[in-house]
């Protein structure tokens, strides 16, 4: 499996998602790479249009990573629970 090619699994919308997902994937020892779309020259313009970045991993882990991502708490849910809008 060490020679398996990494592919884009999903696009992340913000840095909070990236940090949470990265932590869980590390904990479960799932090989992955977080790639941000931020580019210093363009001052984050790609992140505005394309999302924060992406998760690359061996395709074998695609379903597991997607399921973990789907279970992450949504920022909107967190705002609703605290009563802040």
PDB file of N, CA and C in Angstrom:
ATOM      1  N   UNK A   1       0.815  -1.192   0.000  1.00  0.00           N
ATOM      2  CA  UNK A   1       0.000   0.000   0.000  1.00  0.00           C
ATOM      3  C   UNK A   1       0.863   1.262   0.000  1.00  0.00           C
ATOM      4  N   UNK A   2       2.112   1.187   0.358  1.00  0.00           N
ATOM      5  CA  UNK A   2       2.983   2.349   0.383  1.00  0.00           C
ATOM      6  C   UNK A   2       3.167   2.986  -0.977  1.00  0.00           C
ATOM      7  N   UNK A   3       2.981   2.202  -2.042  1.00  0.00           N
ATOM      8  CA  UNK A   3       3.147   2.761  -3.381  1.00  0.00           C
ATOM      9  C   UNK A   3       1.831   3.245  -3.966  1.00  0.00           C
ATOM     10  N   UNK A   4       0.738   3.197  -3.169  1.00  0.00           N
ATOM     11  CA  UNK A   4      -0.557   3.635  -3.653  1.00  0.00           C
ATOM     12  C   UNK A   4      -0.573   5.152  -3.841  1.00  0.00           C
ATOM     13  N   UNK A   5      -1.143   5.578  -4.929  1.00  0.00           N
ATOM     14  CA  UNK A   5      -1.209   6.984  -5.294  1.00  0.00           C
ATOM     15  C   UNK A   5      -2.261   7.712  -4.457  1.00  0.00           C
ATOM     16  N   UNK A   6      -1.951   8.926  -4.051  1.00  0.00           N
ATOM     17  CA  UNK A   6      -2.904   9.757  -3.325  1.00  0.00           C
ATOM     18  C   UNK A   6      -3.784  10.492  -4.333  1.00  0.00           C
ATOM     19  N   UNK A   7      -5.071  10.553  -4.041  1.00  0.00           N
ATOM     20  CA  UNK A   7      -6.037  11.252  -4.893  1.00  0.00           C
ATOM     21  C   UNK A   7      -6.848  12.204  -4.019  1.00  0.00           C
ATOM     22  N   UNK A   8      -7.506  13.172  -4.660  1.00  0.00           N
ATOM     23  CA  UNK A   8      -8.365  14.080  -3.902  1.00  0.00           C
ATOM     24  C   UNK A   8      -9.579  13.298  -3.418  1.00  0.00           C
ATOM     25  N   UNK A   9      -9.822  13.364  -2.127  1.00  0.00           N
ATOM     26  CA  UNK A   9     -10.957  12.673  -1.531  1.00  0.00           C
ATOM     27  C   UNK A   9     -12.130  13.637  -1.376  1.00  0.00           C
ATOM     28  N   UNK A  10     -11.862  14.827  -0.831  1.00  0.00           N
ATOM     29  CA  UNK A  10     -12.929  15.811  -0.683  1.00  0.00           C
ATOM     30  C   UNK A  10     -12.357  17.205  -0.510  1.00  0.00           C
ATOM     31  N   UNK A  11     -13.219  18.209  -0.702  1.00  0.00           N
ATOM     32  CA  UNK A  11     -12.849  19.613  -0.548  1.00  0.00           C
ATOM     33  C   UNK A  11     -13.358  20.095   0.806  1.00  0.00           C
ATOM     34  N   UNK A  12     -12.496  20.784   1.524  1.00  0.00           N
ATOM     35  CA  UNK A  12     -12.835  21.325   2.845  1.00  0.00           C
ATOM     36  C   UNK A  12     -13.244  22.783   2.703  1.00  0.00           C
ATOM     37  N   UNK A  13     -14.212  23.210   3.496  1.00  0.00           N
ATOM     38  CA  UNK A  13     -14.729  24.570   3.381  1.00  0.00           C
ATOM     39  C   UNK A  13     -13.985  25.598   4.231  1.00  0.00           C
ATOM     40  N   UNK A  14     -13.336  25.137   5.309  1.00  0.00           N
ATOM     41  CA  UNK A  14     -12.647  26.097   6.164  1.00  0.00           C
ATOM     42  C   UNK A  14     -11.557  25.405   6.985  1.00  0.00           C
ATOM     43  N   UNK A  15     -10.782  26.216   7.676  1.00  0.00           N
ATOM     44  CA  UNK A  15      -9.657  25.696   8.445  1.00  0.00           C
ATOM     45  C   UNK A  15     -10.104  24.869   9.655  1.00  0.00           C
ATOM     46  N   UNK A  16     -11.247  25.193  10.217  1.00  0.00           N
ATOM     47  CA  UNK A  16     -11.760  24.428  11.359  1.00  0.00           C
ATOM     48  C   UNK A  16     -12.017  22.981  10.943  1.00  0.00           C
ATOM     49  N   UNK A  17     -12.679  22.800   9.807  1.00  0.00           N
ATOM     50  CA  UNK A  17     -12.896  21.449   9.288  1.00  0.00           C
ATOM     51  C   UNK A  17     -11.570  20.736   9.078  1.00  0.00           C
ATOM     52  N   UNK A  18     -10.606  21.448   8.511  1.00  0.00           N
ATOM     53  CA  UNK A  18      -9.306  20.859   8.214  1.00  0.00           C
ATOM     54  C   UNK A  18      -8.605  20.377   9.485  1.00  0.00           C
ATOM     55  N   UNK A  19      -8.613  21.203  10.522  1.00  0.00           N
ATOM     56  CA  UNK A  19      -7.944  20.847  11.769  1.00  0.00           C
ATOM     57  C   UNK A  19      -8.630  19.651  12.428  1.00  0.00           C
ATOM     58  N   UNK A  20      -9.962  19.684  12.487  1.00  0.00           N
ATOM     59  CA  UNK A  20     -10.701  18.582  13.098  1.00  0.00           C
ATOM     60  C   UNK A  20     -10.474  17.269  12.347  1.00  0.00           C
ATOM     61  N   UNK A  21     -10.629  17.322  11.038  1.00  0.00           N
ATOM     62  CA  UNK A  21     -10.476  16.110  10.240  1.00  0.00           C
ATOM     63  C   UNK A  21      -9.046  15.586  10.298  1.00  0.00           C
ATOM     64  N   UNK A  22      -8.072  16.481  10.214  1.00  0.00           N
ATOM     65  CA  UNK A  22      -6.668  16.076  10.295  1.00  0.00           C
ATOM     66  C   UNK A  22      -6.389  15.355  11.612  1.00  0.00           C
ATOM     67  N   UNK A  23      -6.925  15.882  12.691  1.00  0.00           N
ATOM     68  CA  UNK A  23      -6.728  15.273  14.004  1.00  0.00           C
ATOM     69  C   UNK A  23      -7.311  13.858  14.065  1.00  0.00           C
ATOM     70  N   UNK A  24      -8.517  13.698  13.551  1.00  0.00           N
ATOM     71  CA  UNK A  24      -9.161  12.380  13.572  1.00  0.00           C
ATOM     72  C   UNK A  24      -8.419  11.394  12.681  1.00  0.00           C
ATOM     73  N   UNK A  25      -8.019  11.829  11.497  1.00  0.00           N
ATOM     74  CA  UNK A  25      -7.310  10.932  10.582  1.00  0.00           C
ATOM     75  C   UNK A  25      -5.957  10.520  11.155  1.00  0.00           C
ATOM     76  N   UNK A  26      -5.273  11.452  11.804  1.00  0.00           N
ATOM     77  CA  UNK A  26      -4.002  11.110  12.464  1.00  0.00           C
ATOM     78  C   UNK A  26      -4.226  10.105  13.580  1.00  0.00           C
ATOM     79  N   UNK A  27      -5.271  10.335  14.372  1.00  0.00           N
ATOM     80  CA  UNK A  27      -5.588   9.436  15.480  1.00  0.00           C
ATOM     81  C   UNK A  27      -5.866   8.018  14.986  1.00  0.00           C
ATOM     82  N   UNK A  28      -6.517   7.910  13.842  1.00  0.00           N
ATOM     83  CA  UNK A  28      -6.862   6.597  13.280  1.00  0.00           C
ATOM     84  C   UNK A  28      -5.777   6.046  12.351  1.00  0.00           C
ATOM     85  N   UNK A  29      -4.669   6.793  12.252  1.00  0.00           N
ATOM     86  CA  UNK A  29      -3.522   6.385  11.434  1.00  0.00           C
ATOM     87  C   UNK A  29      -3.901   6.158   9.965  1.00  0.00           C
ATOM     88  N   UNK A  30      -4.751   7.047   9.457  1.00  0.00           N
ATOM     89  CA  UNK A  30      -5.156   7.003   8.046  1.00  0.00           C
ATOM     90  C   UNK A  30      -4.210   7.927   7.284  1.00  0.00           C
ATOM     91  N   UNK A  31      -3.478   7.407   6.320  1.00  0.00           N
ATOM     92  CA  UNK A  31      -2.545   8.254   5.564  1.00  0.00           C
ATOM     93  C   UNK A  31      -3.308   9.316   4.775  1.00  0.00           C
ATOM     94  N   UNK A  32      -2.839  10.557   4.862  1.00  0.00           N
ATOM     95  CA  UNK A  32      -3.515  11.653   4.172  1.00  0.00           C
ATOM     96  C   UNK A  32      -2.601  12.869   4.088  1.00  0.00           C
ATOM     97  N   UNK A  33      -2.991  13.810   3.249  1.00  0.00           N
ATOM     98  CA  UNK A  33      -2.307  15.091   3.133  1.00  0.00           C
ATOM     99  C   UNK A  33      -3.391  16.162   3.039  1.00  0.00           C
ATOM    100  N   UNK A  34      -3.268  17.207   3.859  1.00  0.00           N
ATOM    101  CA  UNK A  34      -4.159  18.363   3.775  1.00  0.00           C
ATOM    102  C   UNK A  34      -3.493  19.382   2.865  1.00  0.00           C
ATOM    103  N   UNK A  35      -4.211  19.812   1.837  1.00  0.00           N
ATOM    104  CA  UNK A  35      -3.640  20.788   0.895  1.00  0.00           C
ATOM    105  C   UNK A  35      -4.516  22.027   0.858  1.00  0.00           C
ATOM    106  N   UNK A  36      -3.960  23.141   1.282  1.00  0.00           N
ATOM    107  CA  UNK A  36      -4.697  24.394   1.279  1.00  0.00           C
ATOM    108  C   UNK A  36      -4.672  25.021  -0.117  1.00  0.00           C
ATOM    109  N   UNK A  37      -5.719  25.751  -0.444  1.00  0.00           N
ATOM    110  CA  UNK A  37      -5.766  26.481  -1.711  1.00  0.00           C
ATOM    111  C   UNK A  37      -5.204  27.891  -1.556  1.00  0.00           C
ATOM    112  N   UNK A  38      -4.765  28.234  -0.337  1.00  0.00           N
ATOM    113  CA  UNK A  38      -4.236  29.581  -0.109  1.00  0.00           C
ATOM    114  C   UNK A  38      -2.920  29.749  -0.853  1.00  0.00           C
ATOM    115  N   UNK A  39      -2.801  30.869  -1.507  1.00  0.00           N
ATOM    116  CA  UNK A  39      -1.579  31.188  -2.238  1.00  0.00           C
ATOM    117  C   UNK A  39      -1.206  32.613  -1.859  1.00  0.00           C
ATOM    118  N   UNK A  40       0.009  32.805  -1.365  1.00  0.00           N
ATOM    119  CA  UNK A  40       0.424  34.121  -0.884  1.00  0.00           C
ATOM    120  C   UNK A  40       0.281  35.215  -1.941  1.00  0.00           C
ATOM    121  N   UNK A  41       0.641  34.905  -3.164  1.00  0.00           N
ATOM    122  CA  UNK A  41       0.600  35.910  -4.228  1.00  0.00           C
ATOM    123  C   UNK A  41      -0.827  36.387  -4.468  1.00  0.00           C
ATOM    124  N   UNK A  42      -1.778  35.479  -4.400  1.00  0.00           N
ATOM    125  CA  UNK A  42      -3.172  35.827  -4.679  1.00  0.00           C
ATOM    126  C   UNK A  42      -3.986  36.100  -3.420  1.00  0.00           C
ATOM    127  N   UNK A  43      -3.329  36.105  -2.258  1.00  0.00           N
ATOM    128  CA  UNK A  43      -3.937  36.469  -0.978  1.00  0.00           C
ATOM    129  C   UNK A  43      -5.254  35.755  -0.693  1.00  0.00           C
ATOM    130  N   UNK A  44      -5.292  34.453  -0.941  1.00  0.00           N
ATOM    131  CA  UNK A  44      -6.453  33.655  -0.561  1.00  0.00           C
ATOM    132  C   UNK A  44      -7.647  33.712  -1.484  1.00  0.00           C
ATOM    133  N   UNK A  45      -7.520  34.325  -2.645  1.00  0.00           N
ATOM    134  CA  UNK A  45      -8.664  34.454  -3.558  1.00  0.00           C
ATOM    135  C   UNK A  45      -9.196  33.086  -3.998  1.00  0.00           C
ATOM    136  N   UNK A  46      -8.320  32.093  -4.130  1.00  0.00           N
ATOM    137  CA  UNK A  46      -8.771  30.761  -4.530  1.00  0.00           C
ATOM    138  C   UNK A  46      -9.612  30.120  -3.430  1.00  0.00           C
ATOM    139  N   UNK A  47      -9.287  30.409  -2.174  1.00  0.00           N
ATOM    140  CA  UNK A  47     -10.067  29.856  -1.066  1.00  0.00           C
ATOM    141  C   UNK A  47     -11.475  30.428  -1.059  1.00  0.00           C
ATOM    142  N   UNK A  48     -11.617  31.655  -1.450  1.00  0.00           N
ATOM    143  CA  UNK A  48     -12.937  32.280  -1.495  1.00  0.00           C
ATOM    144  C   UNK A  48     -13.840  31.576  -2.502  1.00  0.00           C
ATOM    145  N   UNK A  49     -13.272  31.157  -3.624  1.00  0.00           N
ATOM    146  CA  UNK A  49     -14.064  30.555  -4.696  1.00  0.00           C
ATOM    147  C   UNK A  49     -14.098  29.027  -4.663  1.00  0.00           C
ATOM    148  N   UNK A  50     -13.046  28.408  -4.159  1.00  0.00           N
ATOM    149  CA  UNK A  50     -12.928  26.946  -4.259  1.00  0.00           C
ATOM    150  C   UNK A  50     -13.028  26.212  -2.932  1.00  0.00           C
ATOM    151  N   UNK A  51     -13.053  26.910  -1.817  1.00  0.00           N
ATOM    152  CA  UNK A  51     -13.021  26.265  -0.514  1.00  0.00           C
ATOM    153  C   UNK A  51     -11.648  26.411   0.114  1.00  0.00           C
ATOM    154  N   UNK A  52     -11.506  25.963   1.356  1.00  0.00           N
ATOM    155  CA  UNK A  52     -10.243  26.115   2.071  1.00  0.00           C
ATOM    156  C   UNK A  52      -9.124  25.301   1.446  1.00  0.00           C
ATOM    157  N   UNK A  53      -9.437  24.084   1.068  1.00  0.00           N
ATOM    158  CA  UNK A  53      -8.422  23.191   0.527  1.00  0.00           C
ATOM    159  C   UNK A  53      -9.000  21.802   0.332  1.00  0.00           C
ATOM    160  N   UNK A  54      -8.139  20.816   0.274  1.00  0.00           N
ATOM    161  CA  UNK A  54      -8.603  19.461   0.018  1.00  0.00           C
ATOM    162  C   UNK A  54      -7.832  18.443   0.836  1.00  0.00           C
ATOM    163  N   UNK A  55      -8.416  17.262   0.940  1.00  0.00           N
ATOM    164  CA  UNK A  55      -7.772  16.124   1.593  1.00  0.00           C
ATOM    165  C   UNK A  55      -7.404  15.134   0.501  1.00  0.00           C
ATOM    166  N   UNK A  56      -6.137  14.776   0.440  1.00  0.00           N
ATOM    167  CA  UNK A  56      -5.653  13.747  -0.480  1.00  0.00           C
ATOM    168  C   UNK A  56      -5.286  12.518   0.339  1.00  0.00           C
ATOM    169  N   UNK A  57      -5.635  11.346  -0.197  1.00  0.00           N
ATOM    170  CA  UNK A  57      -5.334  10.093   0.487  1.00  0.00           C
ATOM    171  C   UNK A  57      -5.412   8.958  -0.531  1.00  0.00           C
ATOM    172  N   UNK A  58      -4.925   7.783  -0.165  1.00  0.00           N
ATOM    173  CA  UNK A  58      -5.121   6.633  -1.054  1.00  0.00           C
ATOM    174  C   UNK A  58      -6.626   6.391  -1.245  1.00  0.00           C
ATOM    175  N   UNK A  59      -7.019   6.063  -2.450  1.00  0.00           N
ATOM    176  CA  UNK A  59      -8.436   5.876  -2.765  1.00  0.00           C
ATOM    177  C   UNK A  59      -9.091   4.827  -1.867  1.00  0.00           C
ATOM    178  N   UNK A  60      -8.318   3.884  -1.403  1.00  0.00           N
ATOM    179  CA  UNK A  60      -8.813   2.835  -0.511  1.00  0.00           C
ATOM    180  C   UNK A  60      -9.531   3.422   0.707  1.00  0.00           C
ATOM    181  N   UNK A  61      -9.086   4.586   1.195  1.00  0.00           N
ATOM    182  CA  UNK A  61      -9.641   5.213   2.391  1.00  0.00           C
ATOM    183  C   UNK A  61     -10.747   6.220   2.085  1.00  0.00           C
ATOM    184  N   UNK A  62     -11.129   6.372   0.844  1.00  0.00           N
ATOM    185  CA  UNK A  62     -12.095   7.387   0.443  1.00  0.00           C
ATOM    186  C   UNK A  62     -13.407   7.314   1.219  1.00  0.00           C
ATOM    187  N   UNK A  63     -13.992   6.153   1.282  1.00  0.00           N
ATOM    188  CA  UNK A  63     -15.286   6.010   1.959  1.00  0.00           C
ATOM    189  C   UNK A  63     -15.172   6.328   3.452  1.00  0.00           C
ATOM    190  N   UNK A  64     -14.138   5.814   4.095  1.00  0.00           N
ATOM    191  CA  UNK A  64     -13.960   6.046   5.524  1.00  0.00           C
ATOM    192  C   UNK A  64     -13.767   7.529   5.826  1.00  0.00           C
ATOM    193  N   UNK A  65     -12.944   8.206   5.025  1.00  0.00           N
ATOM    194  CA  UNK A  65     -12.696   9.634   5.229  1.00  0.00           C
ATOM    195  C   UNK A  65     -13.975  10.437   4.991  1.00  0.00           C
ATOM    196  N   UNK A  66     -14.710  10.099   3.958  1.00  0.00           N
ATOM    197  CA  UNK A  66     -15.959  10.795   3.649  1.00  0.00           C
ATOM    198  C   UNK A  66     -16.975  10.627   4.786  1.00  0.00           C
ATOM    199  N   UNK A  67     -17.049   9.440   5.355  1.00  0.00           N
ATOM    200  CA  UNK A  67     -17.963   9.197   6.479  1.00  0.00           C
ATOM    201  C   UNK A  67     -17.537   9.982   7.718  1.00  0.00           C
ATOM    202  N   UNK A  68     -16.241  10.030   7.984  1.00  0.00           N
ATOM    203  CA  UNK A  68     -15.735  10.804   9.120  1.00  0.00           C
ATOM    204  C   UNK A  68     -16.080  12.276   8.921  1.00  0.00           C
ATOM    205  N   UNK A  69     -15.861  12.780   7.719  1.00  0.00           N
ATOM    206  CA  UNK A  69     -16.148  14.184   7.405  1.00  0.00           C
ATOM    207  C   UNK A  69     -17.634  14.492   7.593  1.00  0.00           C
ATOM    208  N   UNK A  70     -18.485  13.590   7.166  1.00  0.00           N
ATOM    209  CA  UNK A  70     -19.933  13.793   7.290  1.00  0.00           C
ATOM    210  C   UNK A  70     -20.360  13.862   8.755  1.00  0.00           C
ATOM    211  N   UNK A  71     -19.606  13.213   9.637  1.00  0.00           N
ATOM    212  CA  UNK A  71     -19.935  13.208  11.062  1.00  0.00           C
ATOM    213  C   UNK A  71     -19.346  14.395  11.825  1.00  0.00           C
ATOM    214  N   UNK A  72     -18.540  15.235  11.158  1.00  0.00           N
ATOM    215  CA  UNK A  72     -17.983  16.400  11.846  1.00  0.00           C
ATOM    216  C   UNK A  72     -19.109  17.350  12.218  1.00  0.00           C
ATOM    217  N   UNK A  73     -18.988  18.007  13.374  1.00  0.00           N
ATOM    218  CA  UNK A  73     -20.027  18.976  13.744  1.00  0.00           C
ATOM    219  C   UNK A  73     -20.048  20.152  12.762  1.00  0.00           C
ATOM    220  N   UNK A  74     -21.213  20.549  12.381  1.00  0.00           N
ATOM    221  CA  UNK A  74     -21.392  21.661  11.442  1.00  0.00           C
ATOM    222  C   UNK A  74     -21.308  22.978  12.207  1.00  0.00           C
ATOM    223  N   UNK A  75     -20.649  23.968  11.642  1.00  0.00           N
ATOM    224  CA  UNK A  75     -20.544  25.272  12.298  1.00  0.00           C
ATOM    225  C   UNK A  75     -21.923  25.878  12.537  1.00  0.00           C
ATOM    226  N   UNK A  76     -22.844  25.697  11.594  1.00  0.00           N
ATOM    227  CA  UNK A  76     -24.190  26.250  11.748  1.00  0.00           C
ATOM    228  C   UNK A  76     -24.878  25.622  12.954  1.00  0.00           C
ATOM    229  N   UNK A  77     -24.691  24.329  13.161  1.00  0.00           N
ATOM    230  CA  UNK A  77     -25.280  23.664  14.321  1.00  0.00           C
ATOM    231  C   UNK A  77     -24.706  24.237  15.608  1.00  0.00           C
ATOM    232  N   UNK A  78     -23.410  24.503  15.616  1.00  0.00           N
ATOM    233  CA  UNK A  78     -22.770  25.059  16.810  1.00  0.00           C
ATOM    234  C   UNK A  78     -23.312  26.443  17.111  1.00  0.00           C
ATOM    235  N   UNK A  79     -23.544  27.255  16.083  1.00  0.00           N
ATOM    236  CA  UNK A  79     -24.083  28.589  16.289  1.00  0.00           C
ATOM    237  C   UNK A  79     -25.495  28.519  16.828  1.00  0.00           C
ATOM    238  N   UNK A  80     -26.308  27.623  16.275  1.00  0.00           N
ATOM    239  CA  UNK A  80     -27.688  27.484  16.716  1.00  0.00           C
ATOM    240  C   UNK A  80     -27.769  27.055  18.179  1.00  0.00           C
ATOM    241  N   UNK A  81     -26.893  26.156  18.596  1.00  0.00           N
ATOM    242  CA  UNK A  81     -26.912  25.678  19.966  1.00  0.00           C
ATOM    243  C   UNK A  81     -26.517  26.761  20.956  1.00  0.00           C
ATOM    244  N   UNK A  82     -25.608  27.644  20.544  1.00  0.00           N
ATOM    245  CA  UNK A  82     -25.172  28.701  21.457  1.00  0.00           C
ATOM    246  C   UNK A  82     -26.100  29.901  21.439  1.00  0.00           C
ATOM    247  N   UNK A  83     -26.977  29.948  20.434  1.00  0.00           N
ATOM    248  CA  UNK A  83     -27.926  31.063  20.346  1.00  0.00           C
ATOM    249  C   UNK A  83     -27.349  32.278  19.648  1.00  0.00           C
ATOM    250  N   UNK A  84     -26.130  32.200  19.134  1.00  0.00           N
ATOM    251  CA  UNK A  84     -25.506  33.330  18.434  1.00  0.00           C
ATOM    252  C   UNK A  84     -25.772  33.239  16.948  1.00  0.00           C
ATOM    253  N   UNK A  85     -26.122  34.344  16.338  1.00  0.00           N
ATOM    254  CA  UNK A  85     -26.325  34.364  14.884  1.00  0.00           C
ATOM    255  C   UNK A  85     -25.586  35.511  14.272  1.00  0.00           C
TER     256      UNK A  85
END
